[in-house]
Amino acid sequence: MKILHLDTNHSLLINQLNDLGFQNDEDYTSLKAAIEAKIHLYDGFIIRSRFKIDKDFLDKATNLKFIGRVGAGLENIDCDYAASKNIELIAAPEGNRNAVGEHSLGMLLSLFNKLNKADKEVRKGKWLREENRGIELDGKTIGLIGYGNMGKSFAKKLRGFDVDVICYDIKPNVGDDNCKQVSLQELQEKADVLSLHTPQTDLTKQMVNVDFINGFLKSFWLINTARGTSVVTKDLVNALKSGKILGAGLDVLEYEKSSFENLFSDDKMPDAFQYLIDAENVILSPHVAGWTIESKEKLAQTIVDKIKAKFC
């Protein structure tokens, strides 16, 4: 079987697939049209987020048996059409779930203890202790929306704290010893912190909007390490201004390109994003929650293991 690699990944991916007898070709620079011209030669290809895999692309991939996505989400792939053509979709959410859980916890603790603000001030010679008095996580209720690989990882990280962890998920019976599954209404009534761990779907796009935010009984903190399209940024900014949202840790943004490799689809900086940049109660990172030294290896290994199990 011939595999085309469209994005660079950990070297073990190609090395181990070679050892399994696959032919591996690499093309990290050609335009999509050039890839489409030769994709019929391949039984599978492996991608991160370089470009969308749409119906036209899949129609040209006449011999395709699988697509390997070195990451968790499959929103850049027309999954239904791929399934209709009996193309196996292989993702690797197991590979970076631990990294996402740790990043979510790090963002939350940094917000509670004003670490980014305090760090900037000390570097400028300011020693403001009372102004940087933090709050403790113990006693809080942490609400998770989405309780798959990422949500479960974050809940596991919270076991060492005296907190209540609850989740809402469209799938039934996903709760476990680390997290109690509840209705969305109960989550909105109880949560002091909301952390998103959902894929990008029609249900989650613009989910966190003004009506959703105002549905919470208490003011709350927001952590988003999932997908930027889930949060309406202007509504988030208004909630930050009013105090309904106390602070936000955002690893993903509404403005990201679909490839996740760049921030803006054009060169204009939205006013709402300028507010986030200036806000002392907002922490931003460039879609790296699942982007660790260890997860790079784990993601690649997961893809190899799944290809081996299915095709060897």
Protein backbone atom coordinates (compact mmCIF):
# COMPACT_ATOMS: atom_id res chain seq x y z
CA MET A 1 0.00 0.00 0.00
CA LYS A 2 1.16 3.51 -0.83
CA ILE A 3 0.77 6.36 1.64
CA LEU A 4 1.21 10.07 0.90
CA HIS A 5 2.27 12.30 3.80
CA LEU A 6 0.99 15.86 3.44
CA ASP A 7 2.30 17.37 6.69
CA THR A 8 5.49 16.83 8.67
CA ASN A 9 5.09 14.73 11.79
CA HIS A 10 7.26 12.79 14.21
CA SER A 11 9.82 10.69 12.35
CA LEU A 12 8.56 7.47 13.94
CA LEU A 13 5.43 7.72 11.80
CA ILE A 14 7.20 7.10 8.50
CA ASN A 15 9.90 4.90 10.01
CA GLN A 16 7.44 2.46 11.55
CA LEU A 17 5.17 2.44 8.50
CA ASN A 18 8.22 1.63 6.38
CA ASP A 19 9.00 -1.26 8.72
CA LEU A 20 5.43 -2.51 8.28
CA GLY A 21 5.93 -2.65 4.52
CA PHE A 22 4.10 0.48 3.41
CA GLN A 23 5.54 2.74 0.70
CA ASN A 24 5.71 6.28 2.06
CA ASP A 25 5.93 9.38 -0.13
CA GLU A 26 6.17 12.93 1.20
CA ASP A 27 4.84 16.17 -0.27
CA TYR A 28 4.72 19.07 2.14
CA THR A 29 4.74 21.98 -0.28
CA SER A 30 2.63 21.33 -3.39
CA LEU A 31 -0.62 23.17 -3.86
CA LYS A 32 -3.87 21.30 -3.39
CA ALA A 33 -4.42 21.02 -7.15
CA ALA A 34 -1.08 19.25 -7.57
CA ILE A 35 -1.95 16.82 -4.79
CA GLU A 36 -5.33 16.14 -6.39
CA ALA A 37 -3.59 15.30 -9.68
CA LYS A 38 -1.73 12.40 -8.09
CA ILE A 39 -3.86 11.32 -5.14
CA HIS A 40 -5.35 8.48 -7.23
CA LEU A 41 -1.99 6.72 -6.94
CA TYR A 42 -2.33 6.28 -3.18
CA ASP A 43 -4.14 3.92 -0.85
CA GLY A 44 -3.95 6.36 2.04
CA PHE A 45 -2.71 9.75 3.06
CA ILE A 46 -1.81 11.36 6.36
CA ILE A 47 -2.51 15.00 7.16
CA ARG A 48 -2.70 17.39 10.08
CA SER A 49 -4.65 20.45 8.93
CA ARG A 50 -3.00 21.60 5.73
CA PHE A 51 -6.18 21.97 3.69
CA LYS A 52 -9.79 20.82 3.52
CA ILE A 53 -10.52 17.35 2.23
CA ASP A 54 -13.73 17.97 0.32
CA LYS A 55 -15.93 16.04 -2.09
CA ASP A 56 -13.90 17.03 -5.17
CA PHE A 57 -10.66 15.90 -3.54
CA LEU A 58 -12.18 12.58 -2.49
CA ASP A 59 -13.61 11.97 -5.96
CA LYS A 60 -10.09 12.17 -7.35
CA ALA A 61 -8.76 9.75 -4.73
CA THR A 62 -10.12 6.71 -6.55
CA ASN A 63 -7.97 4.13 -4.73
CA LEU A 64 -8.14 5.66 -1.28
CA LYS A 65 -8.72 3.31 1.62
CA PHE A 66 -7.93 5.55 4.60
CA ILE A 67 -7.16 9.07 5.79
CA GLY A 68 -4.95 9.50 8.83
CA ARG A 69 -5.49 12.76 10.74
CA VAL A 70 -2.65 13.42 13.19
CA GLY A 71 -4.85 15.18 15.72
CA ALA A 72 -8.26 14.90 17.31
CA GLY A 73 -10.80 16.71 15.13
CA LEU A 74 -12.01 15.72 11.67
CA GLU A 75 -13.88 18.92 10.78
CA ASN A 76 -11.61 19.63 7.79
CA ILE A 77 -12.72 16.37 6.18
CA ASP A 78 -16.09 15.67 4.54
CA CYS A 79 -16.61 12.69 6.81
CA ASP A 80 -20.02 11.65 5.47
CA TYR A 81 -18.83 11.60 1.88
CA ALA A 82 -15.66 9.72 2.86
CA ALA A 83 -17.78 7.14 4.65
CA SER A 84 -20.01 6.76 1.57
CA LYS A 85 -16.87 5.83 -0.36
CA ASN A 86 -15.81 3.32 2.35
CA ILE A 87 -12.77 5.39 3.28
CA GLU A 88 -11.58 4.72 6.82
CA LEU A 89 -11.05 7.86 8.92
CA ILE A 90 -8.30 7.52 11.50
CA ALA A 91 -7.84 10.24 14.11
CA ALA A 92 -5.70 10.32 17.24
CA PRO A 93 -7.45 12.07 20.14
CA GLU A 94 -5.75 9.66 22.53
CA GLY A 95 -2.39 11.12 21.51
CA ASN A 96 -2.80 14.64 22.88
CA ARG A 97 -5.51 14.30 25.51
CA ASN A 98 -3.06 14.44 28.40
CA ALA A 99 -1.47 17.60 27.01
CA VAL A 100 -4.87 19.27 26.64
CA GLY A 101 -5.82 18.34 30.19
CA GLU A 102 -2.61 19.81 31.59
CA HIS A 103 -2.92 22.97 29.50
CA SER A 104 -6.51 23.51 30.64
CA LEU A 105 -5.48 23.20 34.27
CA GLY A 106 -2.49 25.48 33.76
CA MET A 107 -4.66 28.19 32.21
CA LEU A 108 -7.19 27.95 35.03
CA LEU A 109 -4.61 28.19 37.82
CA SER A 110 -2.84 31.06 36.06
CA LEU A 111 -6.11 32.98 35.82
CA PHE A 112 -7.05 32.35 39.45
CA ASN A 113 -3.63 33.51 40.67
CA LYS A 114 -3.18 36.38 38.19
CA LEU A 115 0.19 34.96 37.18
CA ASN A 116 0.42 36.64 33.78
CA LYS A 117 -0.51 40.04 35.18
CA ALA A 118 1.84 39.72 38.15
CA ASP A 119 4.72 38.53 35.98
CA LYS A 120 4.44 41.56 33.69
CA GLU A 121 4.31 43.94 36.65
CA VAL A 122 7.32 42.50 38.44
CA ARG A 123 9.35 42.72 35.23
CA LYS A 124 8.50 46.43 35.21
CA GLY A 125 9.62 46.86 38.82
CA LYS A 126 6.12 46.88 40.30
CA TRP A 127 5.61 44.91 43.52
CA LEU A 128 1.82 44.88 43.91
CA ARG A 129 0.86 42.19 46.36
CA GLU A 130 -2.69 43.10 47.35
CA GLU A 131 -3.65 43.83 43.74
CA ASN A 132 -2.54 40.31 42.83
CA ARG A 133 -4.31 38.43 45.59
CA GLY A 134 -5.60 35.23 43.98
CA ILE A 135 -8.47 32.85 44.58
CA GLU A 136 -8.34 29.14 45.29
CA LEU A 137 -9.72 26.34 43.20
CA ASP A 138 -10.89 24.33 46.21
CA GLY A 139 -14.62 24.56 46.79
CA LYS A 140 -15.44 25.46 43.20
CA THR A 141 -17.65 23.61 40.76
CA ILE A 142 -15.99 22.91 37.41
CA GLY A 143 -18.39 22.39 34.52
CA LEU A 144 -17.22 20.62 31.40
CA ILE A 145 -19.08 20.61 28.10
CA GLY A 146 -17.97 17.58 26.16
CA TYR A 147 -16.76 14.52 28.03
CA GLY A 148 -14.70 12.56 25.55
CA ASN A 149 -10.93 12.12 25.55
CA MET A 150 -10.12 15.75 26.39
CA GLY A 151 -12.82 16.30 28.97
CA LYS A 152 -11.92 13.08 30.76
CA SER A 153 -8.26 14.08 30.82
CA PHE A 154 -9.03 17.45 32.43
CA ALA A 155 -11.34 15.84 34.98
CA LYS A 156 -8.57 13.42 35.93
CA LYS A 157 -6.18 16.33 36.50
CA LEU A 158 -8.71 17.88 38.90
CA ARG A 159 -8.82 14.85 41.22
CA GLY A 160 -6.21 16.36 43.52
CA PHE A 161 -8.39 19.38 44.25
CA ASP A 162 -11.38 19.68 46.55
CA VAL A 163 -13.77 20.51 43.72
CA ASP A 164 -16.99 19.22 42.21
CA VAL A 165 -16.62 18.28 38.56
CA ILE A 166 -19.75 18.02 36.43
CA CYS A 167 -20.23 17.60 32.69
CA TYR A 168 -22.81 17.94 29.98
CA ASP A 169 -22.56 15.78 26.87
CA ILE A 170 -25.02 14.89 24.12
CA LYS A 171 -24.10 11.23 24.61
CA PRO A 172 -25.76 9.48 27.57
CA ASN A 173 -23.96 7.73 30.41
CA VAL A 174 -20.50 9.17 29.88
CA GLY A 175 -19.92 10.22 33.49
CA ASP A 176 -17.43 8.35 35.65
CA ASP A 177 -15.75 8.48 39.05
CA ASN A 178 -14.05 11.76 38.12
CA CYS A 179 -17.09 13.61 36.83
CA LYS A 180 -20.87 13.55 37.27
CA GLN A 181 -22.95 13.93 34.12
CA VAL A 182 -25.75 16.48 34.48
CA SER A 183 -28.19 18.39 32.31
CA LEU A 184 -27.08 21.60 30.66
CA GLN A 185 -29.48 23.49 32.92
CA GLU A 186 -27.90 22.04 36.06
CA LEU A 187 -24.42 22.81 34.77
CA GLN A 188 -25.41 26.42 34.14
CA GLU A 189 -26.89 26.65 37.64
CA LYS A 190 -23.85 25.29 39.46
CA ALA A 191 -20.65 26.00 37.51
CA ASP A 192 -18.02 28.46 38.72
CA VAL A 193 -15.80 27.46 35.79
CA LEU A 194 -16.80 26.38 32.29
CA SER A 195 -14.30 24.40 30.22
CA LEU A 196 -15.06 23.44 26.62
CA HIS A 197 -13.98 20.04 25.27
CA THR A 198 -16.19 19.69 22.20
CA PRO A 199 -15.46 18.99 18.53
CA GLN A 200 -16.52 21.46 15.85
CA THR A 201 -20.03 20.54 14.73
CA ASP A 202 -23.17 22.38 13.76
CA LEU A 203 -24.26 22.10 17.41
CA THR A 204 -21.10 23.65 18.82
CA LYS A 205 -20.53 26.49 16.35
CA GLN A 206 -21.24 29.80 18.11
CA MET A 207 -22.54 27.82 21.09
CA VAL A 208 -21.17 30.26 23.65
CA ASN A 209 -23.19 33.31 22.71
CA VAL A 210 -25.00 35.99 24.70
CA ASP A 211 -28.03 33.82 25.47
CA PHE A 212 -25.88 30.88 26.52
CA ILE A 213 -23.70 33.08 28.74
CA ASN A 214 -26.67 34.74 30.41
CA GLY A 215 -28.11 31.31 31.11
CA PHE A 216 -25.51 30.80 33.87
CA LEU A 217 -26.73 31.54 37.36
CA LYS A 218 -23.35 32.78 38.59
CA SER A 219 -20.54 34.73 37.06
CA PHE A 220 -18.00 32.21 35.81
CA TRP A 221 -14.55 31.64 34.33
CA LEU A 222 -14.19 30.30 30.79
CA ILE A 223 -11.52 27.93 29.46
CA ASN A 224 -11.54 27.02 25.76
CA THR A 225 -8.99 24.51 24.50
CA ALA A 226 -11.45 23.01 22.00
CA ARG A 227 -12.41 25.01 18.90
CA GLY A 228 -12.49 28.77 18.46
CA THR A 229 -15.71 28.68 16.47
CA SER A 230 -17.57 27.61 19.62
CA VAL A 231 -17.30 31.09 21.17
CA VAL A 232 -18.77 34.28 19.75
CA THR A 233 -15.91 36.63 20.58
CA LYS A 234 -17.91 39.84 20.71
CA ASP A 235 -20.35 38.23 23.16
CA LEU A 236 -17.43 37.00 25.25
CA VAL A 237 -15.96 40.51 25.34
CA ASN A 238 -19.27 42.02 26.42
CA ALA A 239 -19.53 39.42 29.19
CA LEU A 240 -15.98 40.19 30.33
CA LYS A 241 -16.84 43.89 30.43
CA SER A 242 -19.99 43.28 32.47
CA GLY A 243 -18.33 40.80 34.83
CA LYS A 244 -20.60 37.91 33.86
CA ILE A 245 -17.43 36.14 32.71
CA LEU A 246 -14.71 36.72 35.29
CA GLY A 247 -11.80 35.77 33.06
CA ALA A 248 -10.95 33.58 30.10
CA GLY A 249 -8.20 31.21 29.04
CA LEU A 250 -8.32 30.86 25.28
CA ASP A 251 -6.08 28.48 23.38
CA VAL A 252 -8.28 28.77 20.29
CA LEU A 253 -9.95 31.74 18.64
CA GLU A 254 -12.92 32.37 16.40
CA TYR A 255 -10.61 34.07 13.89
CA GLU A 256 -8.31 31.13 13.20
CA LYS A 257 -7.98 29.88 9.66
CA SER A 258 -9.43 26.43 9.17
CA SER A 259 -5.90 25.04 8.83
CA PHE A 260 -5.17 26.30 12.38
CA GLU A 261 -1.76 27.41 11.12
CA ASN A 262 -2.55 31.14 10.98
CA LEU A 263 -4.69 33.49 13.01
CA PHE A 264 -6.58 35.77 10.66
CA SER A 265 -8.18 35.02 7.33
CA ASP A 266 -7.21 38.58 6.37
CA ASP A 267 -4.91 41.23 7.82
CA LYS A 268 -7.55 43.05 9.84
CA MET A 269 -7.51 42.78 13.61
CA PRO A 270 -11.08 42.66 14.97
CA ASP A 271 -11.91 45.12 17.75
CA ALA A 272 -12.99 42.28 20.01
CA PHE A 273 -9.61 40.62 19.67
CA GLN A 274 -7.85 43.87 20.54
CA TYR A 275 -9.85 43.89 23.78
CA LEU A 276 -8.71 40.35 24.57
CA ILE A 277 -5.09 41.34 23.96
CA ASP A 278 -5.36 44.24 26.40
CA ALA A 279 -7.41 42.47 29.08
CA GLU A 280 -5.53 41.47 32.23
CA ASN A 281 -8.02 38.68 33.00
CA VAL A 282 -7.50 36.91 29.67
CA ILE A 283 -4.78 34.40 28.82
CA LEU A 284 -4.14 33.58 25.16
CA SER A 285 -2.13 30.80 23.55
CA PRO A 286 -1.77 29.88 19.84
CA HIS A 287 -3.71 26.59 19.61
CA VAL A 288 -1.01 24.65 21.44
CA ALA A 289 -2.96 22.92 24.23
CA GLY A 290 -2.29 19.56 22.62
CA TRP A 291 1.09 20.60 21.22
CA THR A 292 3.80 19.13 23.46
CA ILE A 293 7.02 17.24 22.84
CA GLU A 294 5.35 14.12 24.22
CA SER A 295 2.08 14.51 22.32
CA LYS A 296 3.89 14.81 18.99
CA GLU A 297 5.25 11.33 19.53
CA LYS A 298 2.01 9.95 20.97
CA LEU A 299 -0.07 11.29 18.08
CA ALA A 300 2.20 9.67 15.52
CA GLN A 301 2.30 6.39 17.42
CA THR A 302 -1.48 6.31 17.70
CA ILE A 303 -1.84 6.70 13.93
CA VAL A 304 0.69 3.93 13.28
CA ASP A 305 -1.02 1.60 15.72
CA LYS A 306 -4.46 2.19 14.18
CA ILE A 307 -3.21 1.69 10.62
CA LYS A 308 -1.43 -1.48 11.67
CA ALA A 309 -4.53 -2.84 13.38
CA LYS A 310 -6.74 -2.13 10.36
CA PHE A 311 -4.52 -2.86 7.37
CA CYS A 312 -1.81 -5.33 8.46
